Amino acid sequence: MARVNIMIPETMLAEVDQAAEEDNLSRSALIQEAARRYLETRRIEREAAERKQRMEKAAANMDKLADKFGKWDGVGTIRQFRDQRTGAKR
């Protein structure tokens, strides 16, 4: 495990020490947990932003297809394929 030195305001250090004592942790363990949670939150937010970007791109592509092929009844098309597969008649 690596050792690091950090600069932290005295008031924040006092809060860290108080929280560590309340949670029965060492100062080091509390700071490690805080860093782990920060990194996890950051990863989750980055993945959510990437998902949103992919969804926006997919929606833009669907809009382009709609412009190219015009309006069509998607529900009707799905029902038609389903009915053909199951032999149902309307």
C-alpha atoms as a PDB file:
ATOM      1  CA  MET A   1       0.000   0.000   0.000  1.00  0.00           C
ATOM      2  CA  ALA A   2       1.298   3.451  -0.876  1.00  0.00           C
ATOM      3  CA  ARG A   3       1.749   6.248   1.604  1.00  0.00           C
ATOM      4  CA  VAL A   4       0.694   9.767   0.579  1.00  0.00           C
ATOM      5  CA  ASN A   5       0.841  13.175   2.191  1.00  0.00           C
ATOM      6  CA  ILE A   6      -2.042  15.573   1.630  1.00  0.00           C
ATOM      7  CA  MET A   7      -2.819  19.117   2.637  1.00  0.00           C
ATOM      8  CA  ILE A   8      -6.220  19.516   4.281  1.00  0.00           C
ATOM      9  CA  PRO A   9      -7.711  22.449   6.181  1.00  0.00           C
ATOM     10  CA  GLU A  10      -7.638  22.024   9.968  1.00  0.00           C
ATOM     11  CA  THR A  11     -11.423  22.302  10.237  1.00  0.00           C
ATOM     12  CA  MET A  12     -11.934  19.562   7.662  1.00  0.00           C
ATOM     13  CA  LEU A  13      -9.379  17.357   9.407  1.00  0.00           C
ATOM     14  CA  ALA A  14     -11.286  17.795  12.646  1.00  0.00           C
ATOM     15  CA  GLU A  15     -14.493  16.704  10.900  1.00  0.00           C
ATOM     16  CA  VAL A  16     -12.711  13.713   9.343  1.00  0.00           C
ATOM     17  CA  ASP A  17     -11.335  12.676  12.724  1.00  0.00           C
ATOM     18  CA  GLN A  18     -14.744  13.061  14.380  1.00  0.00           C
ATOM     19  CA  ALA A  19     -16.479  11.011  11.657  1.00  0.00           C
ATOM     20  CA  ALA A  20     -13.773   8.350  11.809  1.00  0.00           C
ATOM     21  CA  GLU A  21     -14.179   8.071  15.578  1.00  0.00           C
ATOM     22  CA  GLU A  22     -17.980   7.890  15.297  1.00  0.00           C
ATOM     23  CA  ASP A  23     -17.710   5.140  12.669  1.00  0.00           C
ATOM     24  CA  ASN A  24     -14.946   3.342  14.549  1.00  0.00           C
ATOM     25  CA  LEU A  25     -12.524   3.769  11.638  1.00  0.00           C
ATOM     26  CA  SER A  26      -9.011   5.032  11.335  1.00  0.00           C
ATOM     27  CA  ARG A  27      -8.490   8.365   9.604  1.00  0.00           C
ATOM     28  CA  SER A  28      -6.839   6.481   6.756  1.00  0.00           C
ATOM     29  CA  ALA A  29      -9.737   4.034   6.386  1.00  0.00           C
ATOM     30  CA  LEU A  30     -12.278   6.868   6.309  1.00  0.00           C
ATOM     31  CA  ILE A  31     -10.344   8.746   3.620  1.00  0.00           C
ATOM     32  CA  GLN A  32      -9.921   5.540   1.591  1.00  0.00           C
ATOM     33  CA  GLU A  33     -13.665   4.889   1.773  1.00  0.00           C
ATOM     34  CA  ALA A  34     -14.439   8.483   0.788  1.00  0.00           C
ATOM     35  CA  ALA A  35     -12.112   8.209  -2.211  1.00  0.00           C
ATOM     36  CA  ARG A  36     -13.601   4.844  -3.211  1.00  0.00           C
ATOM     37  CA  ARG A  37     -17.139   6.257  -3.102  1.00  0.00           C
ATOM     38  CA  TYR A  38     -16.113   9.352  -5.049  1.00  0.00           C
ATOM     39  CA  LEU A  39     -14.470   7.245  -7.760  1.00  0.00           C
ATOM     40  CA  GLU A  40     -17.488   4.914  -7.954  1.00  0.00           C
ATOM     41  CA  THR A  41     -19.889   7.860  -8.250  1.00  0.00           C
ATOM     42  CA  ARG A  42     -17.695   9.396 -10.924  1.00  0.00           C
ATOM     43  CA  ARG A  43     -17.639   6.098 -12.881  1.00  0.00           C
ATOM     44  CA  ILE A  44     -21.432   5.747 -12.649  1.00  0.00           C
ATOM     45  CA  GLU A  45     -21.972   9.336 -13.819  1.00  0.00           C
ATOM     46  CA  ARG A  46     -19.562   8.842 -16.734  1.00  0.00           C
ATOM     47  CA  GLU A  47     -21.340   5.632 -17.795  1.00  0.00           C
ATOM     48  CA  ALA A  48     -24.741   7.370 -17.547  1.00  0.00           C
ATOM     49  CA  ALA A  49     -23.479  10.229 -19.728  1.00  0.00           C
ATOM     50  CA  GLU A  50     -22.166   7.725 -22.291  1.00  0.00           C
ATOM     51  CA  ARG A  51     -25.525   5.870 -22.288  1.00  0.00           C
ATOM     52  CA  LYS A  52     -27.371   9.151 -22.763  1.00  0.00           C
ATOM     53  CA  GLN A  53     -25.101  10.075 -25.662  1.00  0.00           C
ATOM     54  CA  ARG A  54     -25.691   6.683 -27.335  1.00  0.00           C
ATOM     55  CA  MET A  55     -29.462   7.025 -26.870  1.00  0.00           C
ATOM     56  CA  GLU A  56     -29.445  10.528 -28.345  1.00  0.00           C
ATOM     57  CA  LYS A  57     -27.439   9.271 -31.323  1.00  0.00           C
ATOM     58  CA  ALA A  58     -29.859   6.368 -31.816  1.00  0.00           C
ATOM     59  CA  ALA A  59     -32.835   8.744 -31.632  1.00  0.00           C
ATOM     60  CA  ALA A  60     -31.203  11.042 -34.194  1.00  0.00           C
ATOM     61  CA  ASN A  61     -30.645   8.056 -36.490  1.00  0.00           C
ATOM     62  CA  MET A  62     -34.284   7.038 -36.082  1.00  0.00           C
ATOM     63  CA  ASP A  63     -35.352  10.577 -36.948  1.00  0.00           C
ATOM     64  CA  LYS A  64     -33.225  10.409 -40.111  1.00  0.00           C
ATOM     65  CA  LEU A  65     -34.861   7.118 -41.076  1.00  0.00           C
ATOM     66  CA  ALA A  66     -38.320   8.574 -40.426  1.00  0.00           C
ATOM     67  CA  ASP A  67     -37.473  11.532 -42.660  1.00  0.00           C
ATOM     68  CA  LYS A  68     -36.166   9.216 -45.362  1.00  0.00           C
ATOM     69  CA  PHE A  69     -39.034   6.691 -45.377  1.00  0.00           C
ATOM     70  CA  GLY A  70     -41.910   8.863 -44.214  1.00  0.00           C
ATOM     71  CA  LYS A  71     -44.552   8.008 -41.666  1.00  0.00           C
ATOM     72  CA  TRP A  72     -45.533   4.397 -41.152  1.00  0.00           C
ATOM     73  CA  ASP A  73     -47.647   2.492 -38.675  1.00  0.00           C
ATOM     74  CA  GLY A  74     -45.075   0.721 -36.513  1.00  0.00           C
ATOM     75  CA  VAL A  75     -47.691  -0.849 -34.258  1.00  0.00           C
ATOM     76  CA  GLY A  76     -49.619  -2.103 -37.270  1.00  0.00           C
ATOM     77  CA  THR A  77     -46.475  -3.586 -38.795  1.00  0.00           C
ATOM     78  CA  ILE A  78     -45.600  -5.389 -35.561  1.00  0.00           C
ATOM     79  CA  ARG A  79     -49.151  -6.740 -35.269  1.00  0.00           C
ATOM     80  CA  GLN A  80     -49.043  -7.910 -38.878  1.00  0.00           C
ATOM     81  CA  PHE A  81     -45.785  -9.827 -38.343  1.00  0.00           C
ATOM     82  CA  ARG A  82     -47.063 -11.264 -35.052  1.00  0.00           C
ATOM     83  CA  ASP A  83     -50.336 -12.357 -36.612  1.00  0.00           C
ATOM     84  CA  GLN A  84     -48.517 -13.969 -39.546  1.00  0.00           C
ATOM     85  CA  ARG A  85     -46.277 -15.883 -37.152  1.00  0.00           C
ATOM     86  CA  THR A  86     -49.107 -17.054 -34.896  1.00  0.00           C
ATOM     87  CA  GLY A  87     -51.735 -17.498 -37.595  1.00  0.00           C
ATOM     88  CA  ALA A  88     -54.125 -15.071 -35.882  1.00  0.00           C
ATOM     89  CA  LYS A  89     -56.717 -13.279 -37.960  1.00  0.00           C
ATOM     90  CA  ARG A  90     -58.386  -9.971 -37.289  1.00  0.00           C
END
